[in-house]
Protein backbone atom coordinates (compact mmCIF):
# COMPACT_ATOMS: atom_id res chain seq x y z
CA MET A 1 -4.93 -31.10 11.67
CA ALA A 2 -8.24 -31.74 11.11
CA GLY A 3 -10.39 -31.45 8.01
CA LYS A 4 -10.26 -28.74 6.05
CA ARG A 5 -11.71 -25.43 7.14
CA LEU A 6 -13.65 -23.06 5.18
CA LEU A 7 -13.25 -19.33 6.17
CA THR A 8 -16.00 -17.07 4.60
CA VAL A 9 -14.86 -13.20 4.86
CA CYS A 10 -18.06 -11.04 4.21
CA GLY A 11 -17.26 -6.77 4.25
CA TRP A 12 -17.07 -4.14 1.69
CA THR A 13 -14.15 -3.25 -0.71
CA GLY A 14 -12.80 0.13 0.35
CA CYS A 15 -12.85 -1.15 4.39
CA LYS A 16 -9.20 -2.15 5.17
CA PHE A 17 -10.15 -4.18 8.23
CA TYR A 18 -12.19 -6.40 5.62
CA GLN A 19 -9.03 -6.15 3.46
CA LYS A 20 -6.90 -7.20 6.35
CA ALA A 21 -9.29 -10.88 7.30
CA LYS A 22 -9.38 -11.48 3.41
CA GLY A 23 -5.75 -11.41 3.44
CA VAL A 24 -5.31 -13.69 6.32
CA ALA A 25 -7.67 -16.02 4.50
CA THR A 26 -6.64 -15.81 1.31
CA ALA A 27 -2.80 -16.58 2.70
CA LEU A 28 -3.78 -19.60 4.21
CA SER A 29 -5.96 -21.06 1.56
CA ALA A 30 -2.74 -20.36 -0.72
CA LEU A 31 0.01 -21.55 1.78
CA TYR A 32 -2.07 -24.84 3.04
CA PRO A 33 -4.62 -25.45 0.47
CA ALA A 34 -5.46 -28.86 1.60
CA ASP A 35 -6.22 -27.44 5.11
CA TYR A 36 -7.70 -24.24 4.34
CA GLU A 37 -10.23 -22.70 2.13
CA ALA A 38 -11.17 -19.07 1.61
CA ARG A 39 -14.45 -17.87 0.40
CA LEU A 40 -15.32 -14.08 0.13
CA ASP A 41 -18.87 -12.30 0.11
CA GLU A 42 -17.79 -8.95 -0.95
CA SER A 43 -19.63 -5.59 -1.29
CA PRO A 44 -18.76 -2.83 -3.33
CA ASP A 45 -19.60 -0.31 -0.43
CA ARG A 46 -20.23 -0.20 3.02
CA ASP A 47 -24.20 0.72 2.48
CA THR A 48 -24.85 -2.50 0.63
CA TYR A 49 -22.52 -4.41 2.80
CA ARG A 50 -25.02 -3.26 5.76
CA GLY A 51 -28.29 -4.33 3.48
CA LYS A 52 -27.46 -7.75 3.25
CA LEU A 53 -25.74 -8.23 6.90
CA ASP A 54 -29.15 -9.83 8.20
CA ALA A 55 -29.06 -12.32 5.30
CA LEU A 56 -25.33 -12.77 6.46
CA ARG A 57 -26.02 -13.26 9.77
CA GLN A 58 -28.22 -16.20 8.92
CA LYS A 59 -25.36 -18.42 8.74
CA THR A 60 -25.42 -18.77 12.49
CA PRO A 61 -28.65 -18.24 13.71
CA THR A 62 -28.73 -18.79 16.99
CA ASP A 63 -25.35 -17.11 17.85
CA ALA A 64 -26.60 -14.10 19.66
CA LYS A 65 -22.98 -12.47 19.04
CA ALA A 66 -23.43 -13.45 15.10
CA GLN A 67 -26.84 -11.47 15.65
CA ALA A 68 -25.61 -8.34 17.10
CA HIS A 69 -22.64 -8.12 14.71
CA THR A 70 -22.61 -4.80 12.80
CA ALA A 71 -19.15 -4.15 11.46
CA SER A 72 -17.29 -5.11 8.92
CA PRO A 73 -15.78 -7.70 8.30
CA LEU A 74 -18.20 -10.61 9.52
CA VAL A 75 -16.08 -13.55 9.58
CA PHE A 76 -17.29 -17.81 9.58
CA LEU A 77 -15.66 -20.53 10.12
CA THR A 78 -16.57 -23.88 8.94
CA GLU A 79 -15.20 -27.18 9.73
CA GLY A 80 -16.67 -30.73 9.81
CA GLY A 81 -19.88 -29.05 8.19
CA ALA A 82 -20.48 -27.17 10.97
CA THR A 83 -20.26 -23.39 10.41
CA SER A 84 -19.82 -21.05 13.36
CA TYR A 85 -19.40 -17.51 13.85
CA LEU A 86 -15.43 -16.57 14.06
CA GLY A 87 -16.08 -12.65 14.87
CA GLY A 88 -14.29 -9.30 13.37
CA CYS A 89 -11.28 -8.66 11.97
CA ASP A 90 -8.91 -9.00 14.97
CA ASP A 91 -10.88 -12.13 15.97
CA THR A 92 -9.88 -13.53 12.89
CA VAL A 93 -6.07 -12.75 13.44
CA ALA A 94 -6.27 -13.94 16.32
CA TRP A 95 -7.55 -17.21 15.77
CA ALA A 96 -5.37 -17.86 12.73
CA ARG A 97 -2.10 -16.93 15.16
CA ALA A 98 -3.21 -19.42 17.41
CA ARG A 99 -4.10 -22.43 14.64
CA LEU A 100 -0.63 -21.59 13.38
CA SER A 101 1.47 -21.58 16.75
CA PRO A 102 4.09 -24.23 16.83
CA SER A 103 3.40 -27.09 19.60
CA THR A 104 -0.06 -26.31 20.14
CA GLU A 105 -2.60 -28.83 21.16
CA GLU A 106 -4.56 -28.34 18.12
CA ASN A 107 -1.87 -28.38 15.50
CA GLY A 108 0.34 -31.13 17.18
CA ALA A 109 4.07 -30.88 17.84
CA SER A 110 5.46 -28.70 14.50
CA GLY A 111 2.79 -26.91 14.17
CA ILE A 112 2.93 -24.51 10.75
CA CYS A 113 4.75 -21.40 11.59
CA ASN A 114 7.26 -21.04 8.90
CA GLN A 115 7.28 -23.30 6.02
CA ASP A 116 9.81 -26.14 6.42
CA VAL A 117 12.56 -25.51 3.77
CA GLY A 118 14.75 -28.72 4.85
CA PHE A 119 17.42 -26.71 6.39
CA LYS A 120 20.39 -28.66 7.36
CA LYS A 121 24.05 -27.82 8.73
CA ASP A 122 26.04 -29.44 5.69
CA HIS A 123 23.99 -27.88 3.18
CA GLY A 124 27.24 -27.16 0.91
CA PHE A 125 26.78 -23.29 0.75
CA ASP A 126 29.02 -20.15 2.11
CA TYR A 127 26.74 -19.13 4.80
CA ASP A 128 23.35 -20.47 6.54
CA VAL A 129 22.08 -16.96 5.89
CA VAL A 130 23.12 -13.74 4.25
CA VAL A 131 20.97 -10.27 4.98
CA ILE A 132 20.66 -8.49 2.64
CA GLY A 133 20.45 -4.98 3.77
CA GLY A 134 22.55 -3.48 7.01
CA GLY A 135 19.75 -1.31 8.73
CA SER A 136 18.03 -1.79 11.84
CA GLY A 137 15.71 -4.59 11.22
CA GLY A 138 19.11 -6.68 9.53
CA LEU A 139 21.53 -5.50 11.73
CA ALA A 140 19.08 -6.83 15.03
CA CYS A 141 18.65 -10.28 12.89
CA SER A 142 22.23 -10.73 12.02
CA LYS A 143 23.76 -10.43 15.21
CA GLU A 144 20.65 -12.46 16.53
CA MET A 145 21.03 -15.76 14.36
CA ALA A 146 25.26 -15.44 14.95
CA LYS A 147 24.19 -15.59 18.28
CA LEU A 148 22.37 -18.91 17.83
CA GLY A 149 25.10 -20.40 16.16
CA ALA A 150 24.33 -19.43 12.44
CA LYS A 151 27.15 -18.41 10.11
CA VAL A 152 25.84 -15.10 8.68
CA ALA A 153 27.44 -12.61 6.27
CA VAL A 154 25.48 -8.96 5.97
CA LEU A 155 25.47 -7.27 2.71
CA ASP A 156 25.28 -3.60 2.82
CA TYR A 157 25.78 -0.90 0.05
CA VAL A 158 24.64 2.55 0.01
CA LYS A 159 23.64 4.01 -3.19
CA PRO A 160 24.34 7.40 -3.36
CA SER A 161 20.93 9.95 -3.69
CA PRO A 162 20.59 12.24 -6.65
CA GLN A 163 22.45 14.38 -5.36
CA GLY A 164 25.17 12.47 -4.29
CA THR A 165 24.72 12.10 -0.42
CA LYS A 166 25.79 8.77 0.59
CA TRP A 167 26.44 7.37 4.42
CA GLY A 168 27.95 4.38 6.53
CA LEU A 169 26.74 1.06 8.01
CA GLY A 170 23.44 1.60 10.18
CA GLY A 171 20.19 2.42 7.33
CA THR A 172 18.03 4.97 7.00
CA CYS A 173 16.88 5.11 10.52
CA VAL A 174 20.55 6.06 11.74
CA ASN A 175 22.28 7.90 9.05
CA VAL A 176 19.12 9.76 7.31
CA GLY A 177 15.90 9.33 9.03
CA CYS A 178 15.06 9.01 12.82
CA ILE A 179 18.22 9.84 14.67
CA PRO A 180 19.55 12.84 12.97
CA LYS A 181 15.61 14.23 12.49
CA LYS A 182 15.14 13.79 16.17
CA LEU A 183 18.26 15.72 16.85
CA MET A 184 17.18 18.50 14.68
CA HIS A 185 13.69 18.45 16.03
CA THR A 186 15.17 18.66 19.40
CA ALA A 187 17.52 21.79 18.35
CA ALA A 188 14.29 23.20 17.19
CA ILE A 189 12.43 22.50 20.24
CA LEU A 190 15.25 24.24 22.31
CA GLY A 191 15.03 26.99 20.48
CA GLU A 192 11.15 27.18 20.59
CA ALA A 193 11.77 27.23 24.67
CA MET A 194 14.67 29.82 24.78
CA ARG A 195 12.55 32.31 22.72
CA ASP A 196 9.22 31.87 24.28
CA ASP A 197 9.75 30.10 27.91
CA ALA A 198 13.09 31.43 29.19
CA ALA A 199 12.14 34.89 30.20
CA ALA A 200 9.04 33.69 32.03
CA PHE A 201 11.17 31.55 34.21
CA GLY A 202 13.56 34.22 35.30
CA TRP A 203 16.27 33.81 32.40
CA ALA A 204 17.74 36.80 30.98
CA SER A 205 16.18 36.79 27.01
CA PRO A 206 19.72 36.28 24.75
CA ASP A 207 20.01 36.92 20.80
CA VAL A 208 19.15 33.52 20.20
CA LYS A 209 20.56 32.48 16.87
CA HIS A 210 21.44 29.10 15.58
CA ASN A 211 24.08 27.74 13.78
CA TRP A 212 23.26 25.16 11.01
CA ALA A 213 26.82 24.43 10.29
CA ALA A 214 27.33 23.64 13.92
CA MET A 215 24.76 21.35 14.29
CA ARG A 216 25.56 19.73 10.95
CA GLU A 217 28.65 18.56 12.26
CA LYS A 218 27.93 17.48 15.42
CA VAL A 219 24.76 15.49 14.52
CA GLN A 220 27.26 13.85 11.60
CA ASN A 221 29.82 13.29 14.31
CA HIS A 222 27.34 11.17 16.17
CA ILE A 223 26.37 9.35 13.32
CA LYS A 224 29.71 8.68 12.35
CA SER A 225 30.34 7.14 15.97
CA LEU A 226 27.25 4.78 15.12
CA ASN A 227 28.50 3.55 12.41
CA PHE A 228 31.49 2.47 13.61
CA GLN A 229 30.10 0.81 16.69
CA TYR A 230 27.80 -1.40 14.45
CA ARG A 231 30.89 -2.32 12.10
CA VAL A 232 32.65 -3.16 15.42
CA ALA A 233 29.57 -5.29 16.69
CA LEU A 234 29.37 -7.63 13.26
CA ARG A 235 32.78 -8.12 14.08
CA GLU A 236 32.42 -9.39 17.49
CA ALA A 237 29.61 -11.29 16.89
CA GLY A 238 31.66 -12.84 13.94
CA ILE A 239 29.49 -11.71 11.10
CA SER A 240 30.65 -10.95 7.88
CA TYR A 241 30.22 -7.54 6.49
CA LEU A 242 30.11 -7.47 2.86
CA ASN A 243 30.08 -3.47 1.60
CA LYS A 244 28.76 -4.72 -1.61
CA LEU A 245 25.72 -4.49 -3.43
CA GLY A 246 23.61 -7.75 -3.87
CA GLU A 247 21.57 -9.44 -6.78
CA PHE A 248 19.95 -12.70 -6.77
CA ALA A 249 21.41 -14.82 -9.35
CA GLY A 250 19.49 -17.75 -8.49
CA PRO A 251 17.80 -19.69 -5.72
CA ASN A 252 20.67 -19.65 -3.35
CA THR A 253 23.19 -17.51 -5.29
CA LEU A 254 23.95 -13.41 -5.08
CA LYS A 255 26.51 -11.89 -7.47
CA VAL A 256 27.80 -9.26 -5.24
CA THR A 257 29.85 -5.75 -6.81
CA ASP A 258 31.72 -3.84 -4.62
CA LYS A 259 32.15 0.10 -4.71
CA LYS A 260 35.07 -0.46 -7.39
CA GLY A 261 32.81 -2.64 -9.36
CA LYS A 262 34.39 -6.08 -9.18
CA VAL A 263 31.76 -8.76 -9.09
CA THR A 264 31.97 -12.11 -7.26
CA GLN A 265 29.58 -14.33 -6.02
CA ILE A 266 28.37 -15.77 -2.90
CA THR A 267 26.08 -18.69 -1.94
CA ALA A 268 23.88 -19.19 1.20
CA ALA A 269 20.72 -21.67 2.31
CA ARG A 270 18.43 -19.04 3.49
CA PHE A 271 18.34 -15.17 2.43
CA VAL A 272 16.82 -12.36 4.79
CA VAL A 273 15.77 -9.49 2.83
CA ALA A 274 15.65 -6.20 4.90
CA VAL A 275 17.00 -3.34 2.10
CA GLY A 276 14.06 -1.07 3.42
CA GLY A 277 13.15 1.78 0.93
CA ARG A 278 14.20 5.02 -0.60
CA PRO A 279 12.41 8.83 -1.07
CA ASN A 280 10.17 8.92 -4.48
CA LYS A 281 11.55 11.30 -6.80
CA LEU A 282 9.69 14.51 -7.96
CA ASP A 283 8.76 13.43 -11.74
CA ILE A 284 8.60 17.16 -13.08
CA PRO A 285 10.49 19.31 -15.14
CA GLY A 286 13.43 20.21 -13.42
CA GLY A 287 12.68 17.90 -10.14
CA GLU A 288 16.72 17.17 -10.47
CA HIS A 289 16.71 20.38 -8.52
CA ALA A 290 14.79 19.06 -5.83
CA ILE A 291 16.78 17.46 -2.36
CA ASP A 292 15.09 14.60 -0.56
CA SER A 293 15.17 13.16 3.14
CA ASP A 294 18.42 11.58 2.07
CA ASP A 295 20.01 14.79 1.68
CA ILE A 296 18.63 17.24 4.28
CA PHE A 297 20.60 16.07 7.18
CA SER A 298 24.01 16.77 5.49
CA LEU A 299 23.49 20.33 4.16
CA GLU A 300 26.76 22.13 4.61
CA LYS A 301 24.48 25.30 5.15
CA ALA A 302 21.27 26.33 6.36
CA PRO A 303 18.80 25.74 3.85
CA GLY A 304 17.35 29.24 3.55
CA ARG A 305 13.72 29.47 2.10
CA VAL A 306 12.43 26.30 2.12
CA LEU A 307 9.56 24.77 -0.05
CA CYS A 308 8.47 20.81 1.56
CA ILE A 309 6.45 18.82 -0.88
CA GLY A 310 4.35 16.28 0.87
CA ALA A 311 1.82 15.82 3.76
CA GLY A 312 3.18 12.94 5.65
CA TYR A 313 5.24 12.68 8.52
CA ILE A 314 8.69 13.18 7.00
CA ALA A 315 7.54 15.92 5.24
CA LEU A 316 5.87 18.08 7.93
CA GLU A 317 8.45 16.63 10.77
CA CYS A 318 11.54 18.14 8.52
CA GLY A 319 9.14 21.24 7.45
CA GLY A 320 8.40 21.92 11.46
CA PHE A 321 12.39 21.49 12.36
CA VAL A 322 13.80 23.67 9.73
CA ASN A 323 11.12 26.44 10.28
CA GLY A 324 12.11 26.44 13.75
CA LEU A 325 15.68 26.97 13.03
CA GLY A 326 14.63 29.88 11.31
CA SER A 327 14.06 29.16 7.71
CA SER A 328 10.62 30.52 6.11
CA THR A 329 9.27 27.57 5.40
CA THR A 330 5.97 26.55 3.03
CA ALA A 331 4.71 22.91 3.05
CA MET A 332 3.01 22.43 -0.24
CA VAL A 333 0.49 19.29 0.20
CA ARG A 334 -1.81 17.85 -2.08
CA SER A 335 -5.03 16.94 -0.40
CA ILE A 336 -4.66 16.43 3.39
CA LEU A 337 -2.02 16.10 6.30
CA LEU A 338 -0.95 12.82 7.99
CA ARG A 339 -3.43 10.83 6.17
CA GLY A 340 -3.97 7.62 8.11
CA PHE A 341 -3.85 9.62 11.62
CA ASP A 342 -6.88 10.78 13.58
CA ARG A 343 -8.09 13.81 12.07
CA GLU A 344 -9.07 15.57 15.09
CA CYS A 345 -5.54 15.26 16.09
CA VAL A 346 -4.05 16.31 12.70
CA ASP A 347 -6.52 19.00 12.47
CA LYS A 348 -4.30 20.63 15.68
CA ILE A 349 -1.07 19.62 14.55
CA GLN A 350 -2.13 21.69 11.14
CA LYS A 351 -3.26 24.91 12.99
CA HIS A 352 -0.01 24.59 15.26
CA LEU A 353 2.09 24.47 12.40
CA VAL A 354 0.33 27.79 10.83
CA ALA A 355 0.42 29.87 13.96
CA HIS A 356 4.18 28.65 14.25
CA GLY A 357 4.77 30.23 10.92
CA VAL A 358 4.69 28.08 8.46
CA ASN A 359 3.18 28.50 5.36
CA LEU A 360 0.48 26.15 4.18
CA GLN A 361 -0.44 25.34 -0.02
CA ILE A 362 -3.23 22.98 0.42
CA GLY A 363 -4.51 21.61 -2.83
CA VAL A 364 -1.72 22.38 -4.42
CA THR A 365 0.81 20.20 -6.73
CA PRO A 366 4.19 21.59 -8.36
CA THR A 367 4.28 21.45 -12.20
CA LYS A 368 7.86 22.85 -12.49
CA ILE A 369 11.15 23.90 -10.88
CA GLU A 370 13.64 26.36 -12.65
CA LYS A 371 17.06 26.75 -11.21
CA ASN A 372 18.63 30.57 -11.62
CA GLY A 373 21.82 30.16 -9.86
CA ASP A 374 21.09 29.51 -6.54
CA VAL A 375 17.69 30.23 -6.59
CA LEU A 376 14.99 28.02 -7.40
CA THR A 377 11.44 29.08 -8.81
CA VAL A 378 8.83 26.79 -8.32
CA HIS A 379 5.29 26.66 -10.39
CA GLY A 380 2.40 25.22 -8.40
CA SER A 381 -0.67 24.14 -10.33
CA ASP A 382 -2.82 27.23 -9.00
CA GLY A 383 -0.99 28.97 -11.26
CA SER A 384 1.51 30.30 -8.16
CA VAL A 385 5.25 30.91 -8.82
CA ASN A 386 7.33 31.33 -5.96
CA GLU A 387 11.50 31.64 -5.40
CA TYR A 388 13.20 29.08 -2.75
CA ASP A 389 16.41 28.19 -1.88
CA THR A 390 15.67 24.66 -1.11
CA VAL A 391 12.66 22.31 -2.33
CA LEU A 392 12.41 19.56 -0.62
CA VAL A 393 10.28 16.36 -1.53
CA ALA A 394 8.80 14.06 0.55
CA THR A 395 5.97 12.22 -0.97
CA GLY A 396 6.70 8.63 0.15
CA ARG A 397 9.27 5.94 0.11
CA LYS A 398 9.17 3.46 -2.37
CA ALA A 399 10.57 -0.35 -1.36
CA ASP A 400 14.25 -0.66 -3.13
CA THR A 401 13.86 -4.29 -4.54
CA THR A 402 14.46 -2.88 -8.00
CA GLY A 403 17.37 -4.52 -9.51
CA LEU A 404 17.52 -7.30 -6.10
CA GLY A 405 17.27 -9.88 -9.16
CA LEU A 406 14.07 -11.95 -7.47
CA ASP A 407 12.91 -12.92 -10.81
CA THR A 408 16.11 -15.12 -10.62
CA VAL A 409 14.44 -16.97 -7.33
CA PRO A 410 11.79 -19.86 -8.63
CA GLY A 411 8.69 -18.64 -7.23
CA ALA A 412 9.75 -15.26 -5.66
CA ALA A 413 8.17 -12.87 -8.45
CA LYS A 414 4.73 -14.12 -7.14
CA ASP A 415 5.29 -12.35 -3.64
CA VAL A 416 6.53 -9.06 -5.33
CA ALA A 417 3.55 -6.33 -4.93
CA GLU A 418 2.60 -3.75 -7.50
CA ASN A 419 4.41 -1.40 -5.01
CA GLY A 420 7.89 -3.28 -5.26
CA LYS A 421 7.42 -4.37 -1.79
CA LEU A 422 7.48 -7.94 -0.87
CA LYS A 423 4.10 -10.09 0.42
CA ALA A 424 5.31 -12.47 3.08
CA VAL A 425 3.53 -14.57 6.19
CA ASP A 426 5.22 -14.33 8.67
CA GLU A 427 8.07 -12.63 7.52
CA GLN A 428 8.80 -15.59 4.87
CA LEU A 429 7.80 -15.19 1.00
CA PRO A 430 5.31 -18.21 0.76
CA HIS A 431 6.34 -19.13 -3.11
CA ALA A 432 10.04 -18.97 -2.32
CA PRO A 433 10.17 -19.98 1.63
CA HIS A 434 13.78 -19.91 1.75
CA VAL A 435 13.62 -16.45 1.40
CA TYR A 436 12.51 -13.89 4.42
CA ALA A 437 12.01 -10.44 4.69
CA ILE A 438 11.65 -7.69 6.82
CA GLY A 439 11.01 -4.38 7.62
CA ASP A 440 9.95 -1.35 5.51
CA VAL A 441 10.22 -3.56 2.43
CA LEU A 442 7.40 -5.70 3.52
CA ASP A 443 3.85 -4.78 2.25
CA GLY A 444 1.07 -3.96 4.48
CA ARG A 445 3.27 -3.50 7.56
CA PRO A 446 4.42 -0.16 9.52
CA GLU A 447 7.84 1.34 8.39
CA LEU A 448 8.88 1.83 11.75
CA THR A 449 12.23 0.89 12.90
CA PRO A 450 11.29 -1.05 16.02
CA VAL A 451 9.12 -3.26 14.21
CA ALA A 452 11.66 -4.22 11.79
CA ILE A 453 14.02 -4.87 14.94
CA GLU A 454 11.61 -6.73 16.73
CA ALA A 455 10.51 -8.96 13.46
CA GLY A 456 13.87 -9.75 13.24
CA LEU A 457 14.44 -10.96 16.34
CA ARG A 458 11.31 -13.13 16.51
CA LEU A 459 12.34 -14.57 12.78
CA ALA A 460 16.16 -15.30 13.83
CA ARG A 461 14.79 -17.05 17.24
CA ARG A 462 12.10 -19.32 15.08
CA LEU A 463 14.63 -20.03 12.57
CA PHE A 464 17.88 -21.19 14.33
CA GLY A 465 16.40 -21.40 17.68
CA SER A 466 13.33 -22.88 19.67
CA GLY A 467 11.81 -19.42 19.50
CA THR A 468 7.79 -19.85 18.45
CA GLU A 469 7.01 -16.27 18.78
CA ARG A 470 5.48 -14.77 15.88
CA MET A 471 5.70 -10.52 15.00
CA ASP A 472 2.59 -8.79 16.35
CA TYR A 473 1.96 -5.82 14.29
CA GLU A 474 -1.09 -4.97 16.15
CA ASN A 475 -1.27 -1.69 18.37
CA VAL A 476 2.24 -0.52 17.45
CA ALA A 477 2.80 2.98 19.33
CA THR A 478 4.34 5.78 16.92
CA THR A 479 5.32 9.21 17.41
CA VAL A 480 5.30 11.84 14.66
CA PHE A 481 7.79 14.37 15.68
CA THR A 482 6.10 17.84 14.38
CA PRO A 483 6.77 20.81 16.45
CA LEU A 484 3.52 19.63 17.95
CA GLU A 485 4.39 16.29 18.88
CA TYR A 486 1.84 13.49 18.42
CA GLY A 487 1.58 9.87 19.85
CA ALA A 488 -0.75 7.27 18.68
CA ILE A 489 -1.83 3.70 19.22
CA GLY A 490 -4.41 1.59 17.80
CA LEU A 491 -7.29 3.11 15.67
CA SER A 492 -8.05 6.83 14.96
CA GLU A 493 -11.66 7.53 15.92
CA ASP A 494 -12.56 7.65 11.99
CA GLU A 495 -11.61 4.28 11.98
CA ALA A 496 -13.53 2.93 14.75
CA ASN A 497 -16.69 4.26 13.72
CA GLU A 498 -16.07 2.67 9.99
CA SER A 499 -14.99 -0.64 12.10
CA LEU A 500 -17.48 -0.63 14.98
CA GLY A 501 -20.09 1.52 13.55
CA ALA A 502 -20.16 5.08 15.62
CA GLU A 503 -23.12 3.91 18.03
CA ASN A 504 -20.69 1.44 19.26
CA VAL A 505 -17.76 4.01 20.20
CA GLU A 506 -16.73 6.65 22.89
CA CYS A 507 -14.38 9.11 22.73
CA TYR A 508 -13.17 10.77 25.96
CA ILE A 509 -11.19 14.26 25.03
CA SER A 510 -9.23 16.75 26.90
CA GLU A 511 -7.25 20.06 25.99
CA PHE A 512 -5.22 21.54 28.36
CA THR A 513 -2.07 23.60 29.23
CA PRO A 514 1.08 21.38 29.83
CA LEU A 515 2.48 23.35 33.52
CA GLU A 516 5.61 23.81 31.78
CA HIS A 517 4.21 26.34 29.20
CA ALA A 518 1.62 27.62 31.48
CA LEU A 519 3.94 30.60 32.32
CA SER A 520 4.57 31.81 28.39
CA ASP A 521 3.10 34.62 27.15
CA ALA A 522 3.96 33.65 23.23
CA ARG A 523 2.56 30.26 23.89
CA SER A 524 -0.59 31.54 25.14
CA ALA A 525 -0.96 34.05 22.61
CA ARG A 526 -0.63 31.55 19.79
CA GLY A 527 -3.03 29.17 21.97
CA ASP A 528 -0.65 26.47 22.07
CA ALA A 529 -2.34 23.59 23.74
CA ALA A 530 -1.83 19.93 24.45
CA PHE A 531 -4.58 17.19 24.12
CA ALA A 532 -5.60 13.81 24.80
CA LYS A 533 -8.08 11.53 23.17
CA LEU A 534 -9.35 7.59 24.29
CA VAL A 535 -11.27 6.11 21.58
CA CYS A 536 -13.27 3.44 23.45
CA ASP A 537 -15.22 0.32 22.23
CA LYS A 538 -18.79 0.55 23.99
CA THR A 539 -19.29 -2.92 23.06
CA GLN A 540 -16.30 -4.23 25.41
CA ASP A 541 -16.65 -2.80 28.56
CA LEU A 542 -15.26 0.30 27.00
CA LYS A 543 -12.12 -1.40 26.02
CA VAL A 544 -9.69 1.36 24.62
CA ILE A 545 -8.71 0.61 20.89
CA GLY A 546 -7.04 4.26 20.36
CA PHE A 547 -4.99 6.59 22.01
CA HIS A 548 -3.93 10.03 21.04
CA TYR A 549 -2.11 12.68 22.61
CA LEU A 550 -0.58 15.82 21.19
CA GLY A 551 2.22 17.60 23.36
CA PRO A 552 5.57 17.61 24.67
CA ASN A 553 7.22 14.20 24.80
CA ALA A 554 5.12 12.83 22.76
CA GLY A 555 6.94 9.47 22.38
CA GLU A 556 8.24 8.84 26.09
CA ILE A 557 4.22 9.28 27.26
CA THR A 558 2.97 7.00 24.43
CA GLN A 559 5.56 4.39 24.89
CA GLY A 560 4.62 3.86 28.35
CA PHE A 561 0.84 3.45 27.35
CA SER A 562 1.30 1.01 24.47
CA VAL A 563 1.81 -1.56 27.14
CA ALA A 564 -1.49 -1.23 28.55
CA MET A 565 -3.09 -1.05 25.38
CA ARG A 566 -1.61 -4.47 24.22
CA LYS A 567 -2.54 -5.92 27.69
CA GLY A 568 -6.37 -4.78 26.48
CA ALA A 569 -7.08 -2.24 29.12
CA THR A 570 -10.04 -0.15 29.59
CA TYR A 571 -11.00 3.39 30.08
CA ASN A 572 -12.30 2.10 33.85
CA ASP A 573 -8.55 0.59 34.06
CA PHE A 574 -6.99 3.98 32.89
CA LEU A 575 -9.43 6.56 35.26
CA GLY A 576 -8.73 3.95 37.70
CA THR A 577 -5.11 4.59 37.87
CA VAL A 578 -3.30 6.79 39.89
CA GLY A 579 -1.77 9.98 37.87
CA ILE A 580 1.99 11.36 38.37
CA HIS A 581 1.69 15.19 39.45
CA PRO A 582 1.90 17.31 37.68
CA THR A 583 2.63 15.82 34.62
CA VAL A 584 0.97 15.53 31.03
CA ALA A 585 0.61 11.81 31.43
CA GLU A 586 -1.84 11.86 34.28
CA GLU A 587 -4.57 13.86 32.05
CA PHE A 588 -5.22 9.86 30.54
CA THR A 589 -6.12 9.03 34.14
CA THR A 590 -8.72 11.72 34.94
CA LEU A 591 -10.80 11.61 31.75
CA THR A 592 -14.22 12.73 31.77
CA VAL A 593 -15.35 14.51 29.19
CA THR A 594 -16.55 12.06 25.98
CA LYS A 595 -16.94 13.92 22.71
CA ALA A 596 -20.39 13.21 22.32
CA SER A 597 -21.37 14.97 25.42
CA GLY A 598 -20.89 18.12 23.45
CA ALA A 599 -19.38 19.71 26.34
CA SER A 600 -16.19 21.56 26.40
CA ALA A 601 -13.12 19.71 26.65
CA ALA A 602 -10.91 22.92 27.53
CA LYS A 603 -9.36 21.91 31.06
CA GLY A 604 -8.54 24.47 33.41
CA GLY A 605 -6.97 24.77 37.11
CA CYS A 606 -4.29 22.13 38.50
């Protein structure tokens, strides 16, 4: 590599895009101090930063793009004594990714993708690699590494929840997350269709009743079949599956404990930490009487009157489906719903929940739970006292790294964040480079199953194959399976305004009734509607930087559009695409109303 490069990152403390660019620059300087240096010009707030912009731009006074730059961060590159304008957050990430990619003309034959840890096949350890955690990411990574010739072991041991719930191989998603959640959400949606839609389509309205026990049995049987398939897949791949709890006992040694308490040791040249996370507990008097998302899907009987504590997607998804299945449901929310998502869309989700019977206690936290027989009395910070049959706490998750023993691995403790997650560069711990991490345990990465799987596959190919692709964590599509489903990609409107300045953002919106709901008097009376929104960057030919959809089949619709987003589609690309009629997805090919115009987004007709 040529001489040392200086990255100057300017921005304000509360801007997450500045923090991201700052993280890239400081990681480079920490990993490769001979090649990179980071210099930060950090302002305490947005107004202070904007007041300094004119002076900051003078680092490259003749660069027109630099002089027009108004967003945070503003990044410059100095090499060979010359300073040039690099751009904003995305530009910095792209520049770093290109410079670190292997086999580039600039970096030479080897590049600096992951640090070389001197791996040799005759290392003398029990395994080439041990994967700690048998969730979706760990399983995908282990099978890919085995396919590429590595000798692999997978450790997976489920510590029971405080209520005693435990499960099999496959991790959170399969056992107590995405799979049972989607199935129970579907059960609630089916019930809604029978109650609200069937009669309008000519079906005699039956007395719709839900059998929780029957649903639970079917859901759990399906999960057990997946557990079995995963065990078979590991065996067929030649992977050692160890149903044991692992703890580091040195740089290349794991102490493993089986369910009977027997302790042995195994060794490996490399390790992949894929332990995921576990739900936060409710730290109040009587908090032990609450269940969490580890328990809700295996309840023997219907939960009855339910209090969901939390405002994230897990709380609202669970609250949504138990309400849809007939339970009287209250959601206790400390501040706002779905922090980090588009506020306009979240407001519509909130109204939809209320219209469908969910009672919202906003600005309230629980202070005490008292148990009297099967009844739980919950005291709220607002002085409220209410009785429930089930209290579900869903206030976030914590990385399951306590007891992992990383302090016995030289350097690894430096890569553990305050929240217990692991700070990695390209899934590699900078200070313990033979240790890697994927999935929810990674600090600052999306906590999504497909992200863990893709990161695991790419890591495996880099370590044991000829792969060079890094995981791209940008523009990852996601769906929140609330009763009004929400699909999102990229930036929210607020994030775009914060990053680019509101004057550089255009939002195209439409509110409409899906055809399949058009005959329902009940939906019409409630005002149920779908919503489409594109957030566009006016400085880049209306490049679509945010996609938001509320309505039926949000996951199926959003997944397809994520390809277009990754390829840099513009508003005109969307508008120039011929839609499929009649569908809700086609709405994104006909958006013409801008939010700034003040015109009504309500759409009628075909």
